[in-house]
Every structure is written in C-alpha cells, then in structure tokens.
PDB file of N, CA and C in Angstrom:
ATOM      1  N   UNK A   1      47.383  46.210 -74.988  1.00  0.00           N
ATOM      2  CA  UNK A   1      47.738  47.461 -74.074  1.00  0.00           C
ATOM      3  C   UNK A   1      47.469  47.547 -72.955  1.00  0.00           C
ATOM      4  N   UNK A   2      46.653  46.935 -72.772  1.00  0.00           N
ATOM      5  CA  UNK A   2      46.488  46.621 -71.062  1.00  0.00           C
ATOM      6  C   UNK A   2      47.259  45.796 -70.520  1.00  0.00           C
ATOM      7  N   UNK A   3      47.257  44.667 -70.834  1.00  0.00           N
ATOM      8  CA  UNK A   3      48.001  43.979 -70.223  1.00  0.00           C
ATOM      9  C   UNK A   3      50.062  44.478 -70.461  1.00  0.00           C
ATOM     10  N   UNK A   4      50.338  45.677 -71.693  1.00  0.00           N
ATOM     11  CA  UNK A   4      51.542  45.802 -71.569  1.00  0.00           C
ATOM     12  C   UNK A   4      51.915  46.553 -70.351  1.00  0.00           C
ATOM     13  N   UNK A   5      50.698  47.417 -70.088  1.00  0.00           N
ATOM     14  CA  UNK A   5      50.959  49.250 -69.595  1.00  0.00           C
ATOM     15  C   UNK A   5      50.646  48.359 -68.069  1.00  0.00           C
ATOM     16  N   UNK A   6      49.541  48.114 -67.513  1.00  0.00           N
ATOM     17  CA  UNK A   6      49.544  47.025 -66.052  1.00  0.00           C
ATOM     18  C   UNK A   6      49.897  46.067 -66.131  1.00  0.00           C
ATOM     19  N   UNK A   7      50.978  45.504 -66.623  1.00  0.00           N
ATOM     20  CA  UNK A   7      51.133  43.898 -66.560  1.00  0.00           C
ATOM     21  C   UNK A   7      50.249  42.872 -65.967  1.00  0.00           C
ATOM     22  N   UNK A   8      48.678  43.302 -66.681  1.00  0.00           N
ATOM     23  CA  UNK A   8      47.611  42.275 -65.712  1.00  0.00           C
ATOM     24  C   UNK A   8      47.265  41.352 -66.990  1.00  0.00           C
ATOM     25  N   UNK A   9      46.550  40.460 -66.845  1.00  0.00           N
ATOM     26  CA  UNK A   9      46.105  39.629 -68.005  1.00  0.00           C
ATOM     27  C   UNK A   9      44.479  40.302 -68.090  1.00  0.00           C
ATOM     28  N   UNK A  10      43.461  40.708 -69.366  1.00  0.00           N
ATOM     29  CA  UNK A  10      42.572  41.055 -69.257  1.00  0.00           C
ATOM     30  C   UNK A  10      41.502  40.253 -69.295  1.00  0.00           C
ATOM     31  N   UNK A  11      41.003  39.291 -68.057  1.00  0.00           N
ATOM     32  CA  UNK A  11      40.276  38.725 -68.105  1.00  0.00           C
ATOM     33  C   UNK A  11      38.939  38.310 -68.248  1.00  0.00           C
ATOM     34  N   UNK A  12      37.945  39.564 -68.591  1.00  0.00           N
ATOM     35  CA  UNK A  12      36.945  39.829 -68.741  1.00  0.00           C
ATOM     36  C   UNK A  12      36.562  41.139 -69.888  1.00  0.00           C
ATOM     37  N   UNK A  13      35.397  40.989 -70.541  1.00  0.00           N
ATOM     38  CA  UNK A  13      35.437  42.362 -71.552  1.00  0.00           C
ATOM     39  C   UNK A  13      33.858  42.310 -71.997  1.00  0.00           C
ATOM     40  N   UNK A  14      33.194  43.355 -70.985  1.00  0.00           N
ATOM     41  CA  UNK A  14      31.770  43.718 -70.797  1.00  0.00           C
ATOM     42  C   UNK A  14      31.450  45.084 -71.696  1.00  0.00           C
ATOM     43  N   UNK A  15      30.668  44.312 -72.739  1.00  0.00           N
ATOM     44  CA  UNK A  15      30.065  45.584 -73.079  1.00  0.00           C
ATOM     45  C   UNK A  15      28.495  45.629 -73.855  1.00  0.00           C
ATOM     46  N   UNK A  16      27.743  46.330 -74.151  1.00  0.00           N
ATOM     47  CA  UNK A  16      26.193  46.925 -74.431  1.00  0.00           C
ATOM     48  C   UNK A  16      26.760  45.241 -75.446  1.00  0.00           C
ATOM     49  N   UNK A  17      25.263  45.483 -76.191  1.00  0.00           N
ATOM     50  CA  UNK A  17      25.233  44.491 -77.258  1.00  0.00           C
ATOM     51  C   UNK A  17      25.197  44.921 -78.634  1.00  0.00           C
ATOM     52  N   UNK A  18      25.791  46.036 -78.881  1.00  0.00           N
ATOM     53  CA  UNK A  18      26.112  47.289 -80.272  1.00  0.00           C
ATOM     54  C   UNK A  18      26.788  46.119 -81.065  1.00  0.00           C
ATOM     55  N   UNK A  19      26.672  46.508 -82.141  1.00  0.00           N
ATOM     56  CA  UNK A  19      27.482  45.601 -83.163  1.00  0.00           C
ATOM     57  C   UNK A  19      29.486  45.333 -83.475  1.00  0.00           C
ATOM     58  N   UNK A  20      29.575  46.955 -83.140  1.00  0.00           N
ATOM     59  CA  UNK A  20      31.367  46.672 -83.089  1.00  0.00           C
ATOM     60  C   UNK A  20      31.561  45.871 -82.069  1.00  0.00           C
ATOM     61  N   UNK A  21      30.571  44.886 -80.971  1.00  0.00           N
ATOM     62  CA  UNK A  21      31.445  43.671 -80.456  1.00  0.00           C
ATOM     63  C   UNK A  21      31.056  42.447 -80.801  1.00  0.00           C
ATOM     64  N   UNK A  22      30.363  42.440 -81.680  1.00  0.00           N
ATOM     65  CA  UNK A  22      29.727  41.428 -82.164  1.00  0.00           C
ATOM     66  C   UNK A  22      30.625  40.663 -83.263  1.00  0.00           C
ATOM     67  N   UNK A  23      31.896  41.163 -83.607  1.00  0.00           N
ATOM     68  CA  UNK A  23      32.207  40.954 -84.898  1.00  0.00           C
ATOM     69  C   UNK A  23      32.753  38.696 -84.675  1.00  0.00           C
ATOM     70  N   UNK A  24      32.960  38.240 -85.274  1.00  0.00           N
ATOM     71  CA  UNK A  24      33.290  36.800 -85.199  1.00  0.00           C
ATOM     72  C   UNK A  24      34.714  36.984 -85.137  1.00  0.00           C
ATOM     73  N   UNK A  25      35.544  38.128 -86.034  1.00  0.00           N
ATOM     74  CA  UNK A  25      37.156  38.074 -85.494  1.00  0.00           C
ATOM     75  C   UNK A  25      36.859  38.451 -84.399  1.00  0.00           C
ATOM     76  N   UNK A  26      36.445  39.360 -83.512  1.00  0.00           N
ATOM     77  CA  UNK A  26      36.683  39.551 -81.961  1.00  0.00           C
ATOM     78  C   UNK A  26      35.956  38.169 -81.279  1.00  0.00           C
ATOM     79  N   UNK A  27      35.218  37.647 -81.523  1.00  0.00           N
ATOM     80  CA  UNK A  27      34.842  36.743 -80.861  1.00  0.00           C
ATOM     81  C   UNK A  27      36.573  35.758 -80.444  1.00  0.00           C
ATOM     82  N   UNK A  28      36.605  35.674 -82.008  1.00  0.00           N
ATOM     83  CA  UNK A  28      37.695  34.524 -82.325  1.00  0.00           C
ATOM     84  C   UNK A  28      38.533  34.804 -81.144  1.00  0.00           C
ATOM     85  N   UNK A  29      39.497  36.446 -81.259  1.00  0.00           N
ATOM     86  CA  UNK A  29      40.640  36.542 -80.564  1.00  0.00           C
ATOM     87  C   UNK A  29      40.130  36.461 -79.247  1.00  0.00           C
ATOM     88  N   UNK A  30      39.265  36.805 -78.270  1.00  0.00           N
ATOM     89  CA  UNK A  30      38.731  36.663 -76.877  1.00  0.00           C
ATOM     90  C   UNK A  30      38.790  35.172 -76.534  1.00  0.00           C
ATOM     91  N   UNK A  31      38.386  34.529 -77.788  1.00  0.00           N
ATOM     92  CA  UNK A  31      38.420  32.790 -77.181  1.00  0.00           C
ATOM     93  C   UNK A  31      40.084  32.417 -77.169  1.00  0.00           C
ATOM     94  N   UNK A  32      40.727  32.911 -78.379  1.00  0.00           N
ATOM     95  CA  UNK A  32      41.915  32.409 -78.112  1.00  0.00           C
ATOM     96  C   UNK A  32      43.089  32.580 -77.482  1.00  0.00           C
ATOM     97  N   UNK A  33      42.199  34.182 -76.456  1.00  0.00           N
ATOM     98  CA  UNK A  33      43.332  34.277 -74.940  1.00  0.00           C
ATOM     99  C   UNK A  33      42.256  34.293 -73.928  1.00  0.00           C
ATOM    100  N   UNK A  34      41.375  33.083 -73.883  1.00  0.00           N
ATOM    101  CA  UNK A  34      40.674  32.649 -72.595  1.00  0.00           C
ATOM    102  C   UNK A  34      40.301  34.088 -71.715  1.00  0.00           C
ATOM    103  N   UNK A  35      39.361  35.135 -72.991  1.00  0.00           N
ATOM    104  CA  UNK A  35      38.756  36.522 -72.265  1.00  0.00           C
ATOM    105  C   UNK A  35      37.135  35.770 -72.563  1.00  0.00           C
ATOM    106  N   UNK A  36      36.551  36.275 -71.056  1.00  0.00           N
ATOM    107  CA  UNK A  36      35.104  36.150 -71.465  1.00  0.00           C
ATOM    108  C   UNK A  36      34.397  37.305 -71.637  1.00  0.00           C
ATOM    109  N   UNK A  37      33.445  37.234 -72.646  1.00  0.00           N
ATOM    110  CA  UNK A  37      32.797  38.354 -73.443  1.00  0.00           C
ATOM    111  C   UNK A  37      31.235  38.281 -72.522  1.00  0.00           C
ATOM    112  N   UNK A  38      31.243  39.712 -71.469  1.00  0.00           N
ATOM    113  CA  UNK A  38      30.030  39.706 -70.887  1.00  0.00           C
ATOM    114  C   UNK A  38      29.152  40.665 -71.876  1.00  0.00           C
ATOM    115  N   UNK A  39      27.759  40.428 -71.919  1.00  0.00           N
ATOM    116  CA  UNK A  39      27.246  41.372 -72.893  1.00  0.00           C
ATOM    117  C   UNK A  39      25.946  41.769 -71.395  1.00  0.00           C
ATOM    118  N   UNK A  40      25.270  43.433 -71.233  1.00  0.00           N
ATOM    119  CA  UNK A  40      24.746  43.628 -71.072  1.00  0.00           C
ATOM    120  C   UNK A  40      23.144  43.418 -71.722  1.00  0.00           C
ATOM    121  N   UNK A  41      21.925  43.152 -70.987  1.00  0.00           N
ATOM    122  CA  UNK A  41      20.734  42.926 -71.801  1.00  0.00           C
ATOM    123  C   UNK A  41      20.706  44.114 -72.411  1.00  0.00           C
ATOM    124  N   UNK A  42      19.794  43.698 -73.675  1.00  0.00           N
ATOM    125  CA  UNK A  42      19.288  45.031 -74.565  1.00  0.00           C
ATOM    126  C   UNK A  42      18.346  45.689 -74.084  1.00  0.00           C
ATOM    127  N   UNK A  43      18.629  47.002 -75.037  1.00  0.00           N
ATOM    128  CA  UNK A  43      17.460  48.439 -74.486  1.00  0.00           C
ATOM    129  C   UNK A  43      17.603  48.493 -72.917  1.00  0.00           C
ATOM    130  N   UNK A  44      18.666  48.193 -72.284  1.00  0.00           N
ATOM    131  CA  UNK A  44      19.069  48.536 -70.329  1.00  0.00           C
ATOM    132  C   UNK A  44      20.294  49.640 -70.694  1.00  0.00           C
ATOM    133  N   UNK A  45      20.235  50.965 -71.282  1.00  0.00           N
ATOM    134  CA  UNK A  45      21.656  52.048 -70.803  1.00  0.00           C
ATOM    135  C   UNK A  45      21.954  51.668 -69.375  1.00  0.00           C
ATOM    136  N   UNK A  46      20.978  51.765 -68.170  1.00  0.00           N
ATOM    137  CA  UNK A  46      20.943  51.500 -66.901  1.00  0.00           C
ATOM    138  C   UNK A  46      21.976  50.814 -66.784  1.00  0.00           C
ATOM    139  N   UNK A  47      22.255  49.464 -67.188  1.00  0.00           N
ATOM    140  CA  UNK A  47      23.417  48.983 -66.996  1.00  0.00           C
ATOM    141  C   UNK A  47      24.644  49.221 -67.092  1.00  0.00           C
ATOM    142  N   UNK A  48      24.570  50.635 -68.306  1.00  0.00           N
ATOM    143  CA  UNK A  48      25.776  50.950 -68.715  1.00  0.00           C
ATOM    144  C   UNK A  48      25.857  52.413 -67.981  1.00  0.00           C
ATOM    145  N   UNK A  49      25.616  52.489 -67.095  1.00  0.00           N
ATOM    146  CA  UNK A  49      26.013  54.068 -66.756  1.00  0.00           C
ATOM    147  C   UNK A  49      27.141  54.721 -66.226  1.00  0.00           C
ATOM    148  N   UNK A  50      28.004  53.581 -65.725  1.00  0.00           N
ATOM    149  CA  UNK A  50      29.440  54.372 -65.810  1.00  0.00           C
ATOM    150  C   UNK A  50      29.885  54.941 -67.206  1.00  0.00           C
ATOM    151  N   UNK A  51      29.775  53.949 -67.925  1.00  0.00           N
ATOM    152  CA  UNK A  51      30.387  54.486 -69.058  1.00  0.00           C
ATOM    153  C   UNK A  51      29.482  55.866 -70.161  1.00  0.00           C
ATOM    154  N   UNK A  52      28.203  55.538 -69.743  1.00  0.00           N
ATOM    155  CA  UNK A  52      27.145  56.214 -71.014  1.00  0.00           C
ATOM    156  C   UNK A  52      27.786  57.594 -69.919  1.00  0.00           C
ATOM    157  N   UNK A  53      27.823  57.668 -68.678  1.00  0.00           N
ATOM    158  CA  UNK A  53      28.115  59.289 -68.346  1.00  0.00           C
ATOM    159  C   UNK A  53      29.450  59.613 -68.932  1.00  0.00           C
ATOM    160  N   UNK A  54      29.911  58.234 -68.706  1.00  0.00           N
ATOM    161  CA  UNK A  54      31.808  59.353 -69.214  1.00  0.00           C
ATOM    162  C   UNK A  54      31.585  59.849 -70.674  1.00  0.00           C
ATOM    163  N   UNK A  55      31.374  58.807 -71.522  1.00  0.00           N
ATOM    164  CA  UNK A  55      30.710  59.095 -72.851  1.00  0.00           C
ATOM    165  C   UNK A  55      30.221  60.986 -73.157  1.00  0.00           C
ATOM    166  N   UNK A  56      28.946  61.007 -71.856  1.00  0.00           N
ATOM    167  CA  UNK A  56      28.721  61.935 -72.236  1.00  0.00           C
ATOM    168  C   UNK A  56      29.514  63.333 -71.602  1.00  0.00           C
ATOM    169  N   UNK A  57      30.047  63.134 -71.032  1.00  0.00           N
ATOM    170  CA  UNK A  57      31.171  64.088 -70.357  1.00  0.00           C
ATOM    171  C   UNK A  57      32.340  64.361 -71.446  1.00  0.00           C
ATOM    172  N   UNK A  58      32.710  63.054 -72.165  1.00  0.00           N
ATOM    173  CA  UNK A  58      33.839  63.633 -72.810  1.00  0.00           C
ATOM    174  C   UNK A  58      32.945  64.053 -74.289  1.00  0.00           C
ATOM    175  N   UNK A  59      32.006  64.006 -74.401  1.00  0.00           N
ATOM    176  CA  UNK A  59      31.202  64.663 -75.849  1.00  0.00           C
ATOM    177  C   UNK A  59      30.699  66.361 -75.413  1.00  0.00           C
ATOM    178  N   UNK A  60      30.342  66.451 -74.320  1.00  0.00           N
ATOM    179  CA  UNK A  60      30.342  67.696 -73.396  1.00  0.00           C
ATOM    180  C   UNK A  60      31.717  68.646 -73.322  1.00  0.00           C
ATOM    181  N   UNK A  61      32.775  68.256 -73.305  1.00  0.00           N
ATOM    182  CA  UNK A  61      33.802  68.832 -73.380  1.00  0.00           C
ATOM    183  C   UNK A  61      34.236  68.705 -74.382  1.00  0.00           C
ATOM    184  N   UNK A  62      34.094  68.140 -75.683  1.00  0.00           N
ATOM    185  CA  UNK A  62      34.342  68.340 -76.746  1.00  0.00           C
ATOM    186  C   UNK A  62      33.270  69.844 -77.471  1.00  0.00           C
ATOM    187  N   UNK A  63      32.146  69.749 -77.195  1.00  0.00           N
ATOM    188  CA  UNK A  63      31.378  70.312 -77.443  1.00  0.00           C
ATOM    189  C   UNK A  63      31.662  71.759 -77.446  1.00  0.00           C
ATOM    190  N   UNK A  64      31.800  71.922 -75.559  1.00  0.00           N
ATOM    191  CA  UNK A  64      32.728  73.270 -75.533  1.00  0.00           C
ATOM    192  C   UNK A  64      34.053  73.374 -75.903  1.00  0.00           C
ATOM    193  N   UNK A  65      34.741  72.243 -75.873  1.00  0.00           N
ATOM    194  CA  UNK A  65      36.015  72.904 -76.504  1.00  0.00           C
ATOM    195  C   UNK A  65      35.581  73.727 -77.863  1.00  0.00           C
ATOM    196  N   UNK A  66      35.281  73.651 -78.590  1.00  0.00           N
ATOM    197  CA  UNK A  66      35.168  73.797 -80.274  1.00  0.00           C
ATOM    198  C   UNK A  66      34.054  74.832 -80.256  1.00  0.00           C
ATOM    199  N   UNK A  67      33.244  75.114 -79.325  1.00  0.00           N
ATOM    200  CA  UNK A  67      32.480  76.198 -79.517  1.00  0.00           C
ATOM    201  C   UNK A  67      32.809  77.718 -78.784  1.00  0.00           C
ATOM    202  N   UNK A  68      34.243  77.181 -77.673  1.00  0.00           N
ATOM    203  CA  UNK A  68      35.016  78.411 -77.318  1.00  0.00           C
ATOM    204  C   UNK A  68      36.139  79.043 -77.883  1.00  0.00           C
ATOM    205  N   UNK A  69      36.263  77.790 -78.872  1.00  0.00           N
ATOM    206  CA  UNK A  69      37.711  78.253 -79.595  1.00  0.00           C
ATOM    207  C   UNK A  69      37.194  78.176 -81.026  1.00  0.00           C
ATOM    208  N   UNK A  70      35.834  78.446 -80.871  1.00  0.00           N
ATOM    209  CA  UNK A  70      35.481  78.606 -82.854  1.00  0.00           C
ATOM    210  C   UNK A  70      36.249  77.929 -83.768  1.00  0.00           C
ATOM    211  N   UNK A  71      36.157  76.453 -83.231  1.00  0.00           N
ATOM    212  CA  UNK A  71      36.833  75.205 -84.354  1.00  0.00           C
ATOM    213  C   UNK A  71      35.568  75.055 -85.300  1.00  0.00           C
ATOM    214  N   UNK A  72      36.267  75.070 -86.254  1.00  0.00           N
ATOM    215  CA  UNK A  72      34.963  74.139 -87.308  1.00  0.00           C
ATOM    216  C   UNK A  72      34.741  72.795 -87.139  1.00  0.00           C
ATOM    217  N   UNK A  73      33.699  72.328 -87.102  1.00  0.00           N
ATOM    218  CA  UNK A  73      33.087  71.028 -86.633  1.00  0.00           C
ATOM    219  C   UNK A  73      33.856  69.643 -87.640  1.00  0.00           C
ATOM    220  N   UNK A  74      34.759  70.207 -88.584  1.00  0.00           N
ATOM    221  CA  UNK A  74      35.223  69.373 -89.435  1.00  0.00           C
ATOM    222  C   UNK A  74      36.840  68.439 -88.661  1.00  0.00           C
ATOM    223  N   UNK A  75      36.607  69.651 -87.145  1.00  0.00           N
ATOM    224  CA  UNK A  75      38.076  69.151 -87.070  1.00  0.00           C
ATOM    225  C   UNK A  75      37.436  68.109 -85.135  1.00  0.00           C
ATOM    226  N   UNK A  76      36.173  67.934 -85.308  1.00  0.00           N
ATOM    227  CA  UNK A  76      35.492  66.470 -84.711  1.00  0.00           C
ATOM    228  C   UNK A  76      36.293  65.421 -84.134  1.00  0.00           C
ATOM    229  N   UNK A  77      36.944  64.725 -84.987  1.00  0.00           N
ATOM    230  CA  UNK A  77      37.782  63.801 -84.793  1.00  0.00           C
ATOM    231  C   UNK A  77      39.025  64.303 -83.595  1.00  0.00           C
ATOM    232  N   UNK A  78      39.947  65.245 -84.551  1.00  0.00           N
ATOM    233  CA  UNK A  78      40.792  65.447 -83.472  1.00  0.00           C
ATOM    234  C   UNK A  78      40.955  66.184 -82.338  1.00  0.00           C
ATOM    235  N   UNK A  79      39.369  67.211 -81.949  1.00  0.00           N
ATOM    236  CA  UNK A  79      39.109  67.481 -80.812  1.00  0.00           C
ATOM    237  C   UNK A  79      38.717  66.126 -80.031  1.00  0.00           C
ATOM    238  N   UNK A  80      38.172  65.111 -80.076  1.00  0.00           N
ATOM    239  CA  UNK A  80      37.568  64.006 -79.328  1.00  0.00           C
ATOM    240  C   UNK A  80      38.805  63.721 -79.010  1.00  0.00           C
ATOM    241  N   UNK A  81      39.766  62.932 -80.123  1.00  0.00           N
ATOM    242  CA  UNK A  81      41.047  62.170 -79.460  1.00  0.00           C
ATOM    243  C   UNK A  81      41.787  63.348 -78.294  1.00  0.00           C
ATOM    244  N   UNK A  82      42.172  64.657 -78.250  1.00  0.00           N
ATOM    245  CA  UNK A  82      42.848  65.353 -77.664  1.00  0.00           C
ATOM    246  C   UNK A  82      42.078  65.338 -76.324  1.00  0.00           C
ATOM    247  N   UNK A  83      40.938  65.547 -76.227  1.00  0.00           N
ATOM    248  CA  UNK A  83      39.948  65.092 -74.782  1.00  0.00           C
ATOM    249  C   UNK A  83      40.076  64.332 -74.602  1.00  0.00           C
ATOM    250  N   UNK A  84      39.629  63.247 -74.721  1.00  0.00           N
ATOM    251  CA  UNK A  84      40.271  61.975 -74.383  1.00  0.00           C
ATOM    252  C   UNK A  84      41.375  61.497 -73.881  1.00  0.00           C
ATOM    253  N   UNK A  85      42.511  62.322 -74.399  1.00  0.00           N
ATOM    254  CA  UNK A  85      43.981  62.035 -74.103  1.00  0.00           C
ATOM    255  C   UNK A  85      43.960  62.807 -72.214  1.00  0.00           C
ATOM    256  N   UNK A  86      43.743  64.310 -72.916  1.00  0.00           N
ATOM    257  CA  UNK A  86      43.447  64.912 -71.788  1.00  0.00           C
ATOM    258  C   UNK A  86      43.333  64.513 -70.338  1.00  0.00           C
ATOM    259  N   UNK A  87      42.124  64.072 -70.489  1.00  0.00           N
ATOM    260  CA  UNK A  87      41.141  63.558 -69.394  1.00  0.00           C
ATOM    261  C   UNK A  87      41.902  62.806 -68.761  1.00  0.00           C
ATOM    262  N   UNK A  88      41.891  61.561 -69.619  1.00  0.00           N
ATOM    263  CA  UNK A  88      42.853  60.293 -69.179  1.00  0.00           C
ATOM    264  C   UNK A  88      44.358  60.781 -68.411  1.00  0.00           C
ATOM    265  N   UNK A  89      44.727  61.435 -68.908  1.00  0.00           N
ATOM    266  CA  UNK A  89      46.098  62.075 -68.078  1.00  0.00           C
ATOM    267  C   UNK A  89      45.520  62.915 -66.635  1.00  0.00           C
ATOM    268  N   UNK A  90      44.455  63.235 -66.767  1.00  0.00           N
ATOM    269  CA  UNK A  90      43.666  63.939 -65.200  1.00  0.00           C
ATOM    270  C   UNK A  90      43.896  63.013 -64.337  1.00  0.00           C
ATOM    271  N   UNK A  91      42.897  62.285 -64.669  1.00  0.00           N
ATOM    272  CA  UNK A  91      42.771  61.238 -63.558  1.00  0.00           C
ATOM    273  C   UNK A  91      43.828  60.566 -62.749  1.00  0.00           C
ATOM    274  N   UNK A  92      45.498  60.119 -64.012  1.00  0.00           N
ATOM    275  CA  UNK A  92      46.273  59.763 -63.336  1.00  0.00           C
ATOM    276  C   UNK A  92      47.243  60.637 -62.521  1.00  0.00           C
ATOM    277  N   UNK A  93      46.996  61.826 -62.589  1.00  0.00           N
ATOM    278  CA  UNK A  93      47.843  63.124 -62.144  1.00  0.00           C
ATOM    279  C   UNK A  93      46.927  63.185 -60.415  1.00  0.00           C
ATOM    280  N   UNK A  94      45.924  62.434 -60.332  1.00  0.00           N
ATOM    281  CA  UNK A  94      45.245  61.938 -59.066  1.00  0.00           C
ATOM    282  C   UNK A  94      45.868  61.619 -58.024  1.00  0.00           C
ATOM    283  N   UNK A  95      46.169  61.323 -57.288  1.00  0.00           N
ATOM    284  CA  UNK A  95      46.645  60.666 -56.004  1.00  0.00           C
ATOM    285  C   UNK A  95      45.599  59.725 -55.426  1.00  0.00           C
ATOM    286  N   UNK A  96      44.426  60.089 -55.508  1.00  0.00           N
ATOM    287  CA  UNK A  96      43.560  58.909 -54.613  1.00  0.00           C
ATOM    288  C   UNK A  96      43.397  58.441 -55.921  1.00  0.00           C
ATOM    289  N   UNK A  97      43.224  58.376 -57.205  1.00  0.00           N
ATOM    290  CA  UNK A  97      43.478  57.175 -58.427  1.00  0.00           C
ATOM    291  C   UNK A  97      44.279  56.545 -58.334  1.00  0.00           C
ATOM    292  N   UNK A  98      45.559  57.094 -58.349  1.00  0.00           N
ATOM    293  CA  UNK A  98      46.537  56.199 -58.699  1.00  0.00           C
ATOM    294  C   UNK A  98      46.813  55.214 -57.167  1.00  0.00           C
ATOM    295  N   UNK A  99      46.265  55.515 -55.756  1.00  0.00           N
ATOM    296  CA  UNK A  99      46.304  54.745 -54.796  1.00  0.00           C
ATOM    297  C   UNK A  99      44.871  53.946 -55.113  1.00  0.00           C
ATOM    298  N   UNK A 100      44.081  54.260 -55.725  1.00  0.00           N
ATOM    299  CA  UNK A 100      43.047  53.302 -55.780  1.00  0.00           C
ATOM    300  C   UNK A 100      43.165  52.286 -57.078  1.00  0.00           C
ATOM    301  N   UNK A 101      44.332  52.838 -57.727  1.00  0.00           N
ATOM    302  CA  UNK A 101      44.685  51.577 -59.067  1.00  0.00           C
ATOM    303  C   UNK A 101      45.856  50.689 -58.617  1.00  0.00           C
ATOM    304  N   UNK A 102      46.386  51.554 -57.852  1.00  0.00           N
ATOM    305  CA  UNK A 102      47.703  49.919 -57.403  1.00  0.00           C
ATOM    306  C   UNK A 102      46.863  49.488 -56.384  1.00  0.00           C
ATOM    307  N   UNK A 103      45.906  49.624 -55.428  1.00  0.00           N
ATOM    308  CA  UNK A 103      45.081  48.526 -54.911  1.00  0.00           C
ATOM    309  C   UNK A 103      44.112  47.437 -55.895  1.00  0.00           C
ATOM    310  N   UNK A 104      43.748  47.773 -56.203  1.00  0.00           N
ATOM    311  CA  UNK A 104      42.960  47.161 -57.551  1.00  0.00           C
ATOM    312  C   UNK A 104      44.184  45.799 -58.623  1.00  0.00           C
ATOM    313  N   UNK A 105      45.050  46.512 -58.572  1.00  0.00           N
ATOM    314  CA  UNK A 105      46.075  45.992 -59.524  1.00  0.00           C
ATOM    315  C   UNK A 105      46.685  44.646 -58.540  1.00  0.00           C
ATOM    316  N   UNK A 106      46.794  44.941 -57.178  1.00  0.00           N
ATOM    317  CA  UNK A 106      47.609  43.918 -56.010  1.00  0.00           C
ATOM    318  C   UNK A 106      45.829  42.960 -56.005  1.00  0.00           C
ATOM    319  N   UNK A 107      44.939  43.435 -55.987  1.00  0.00           N
ATOM    320  CA  UNK A 107      43.675  42.461 -56.040  1.00  0.00           C
ATOM    321  C   UNK A 107      43.807  41.476 -57.214  1.00  0.00           C
ATOM    322  N   UNK A 108      44.699  41.727 -58.250  1.00  0.00           N
ATOM    323  CA  UNK A 108      44.548  41.195 -59.258  1.00  0.00           C
ATOM    324  C   UNK A 108      45.084  39.594 -59.092  1.00  0.00           C
TER     325      UNK A 108
END
C-alpha cells in the first residue's frame, strides 16, 4: 500500500521484538523485496516513544468515544478502526503535514 499510495519503495521496517513481526513468512517476504528489518532492544519502550504515544492516543480516543456514546464494549473493533481512519485523515488535512510529507518524499 505504501508503494502504491506514495510511489515510494519501503526500504526499512522498524519494529519492536514482538512476535507478530518475527514470523518466517514475513522474514521471507522482506528478504524477497530487499527490505531491511530493524528491531529495537528488548524491554526498551523508550526506543518506541513515538509509536507508543500514537497507540496511547488512539486507545484514549476510542475509550472516550465508546463512553461518550454509551456504546457497548463489543463494538471495540469497529470503534478502533473508525478512530484510526479519522485520525489518519485529520493529519492529511493539515497543510504543515502535507508540506513535511512532500519534503520527505523528495528526499527518498
């Protein structure tokens, strides 16, 4: 999706040492597409500061939305998908973000 949406090749995948990124299928895919997989050190959430903060924000918005609308917890999956969609669109609407993304794409 990144390659088609931004016309840019993924060169590096950076993740924590979570099991979801350690499968042999994923490793084969990354190797087959010349993508470097970098992992952070174990038990160092400090190295994941930005993404940890984004995840926290996402969960807070979902929790608040469910409470404010008195929605059942069974709708958690739909709520998190919707909130992630809205947060992503919010960033795209910011002209400062667009300018920064354009500069980043030029540097690739």
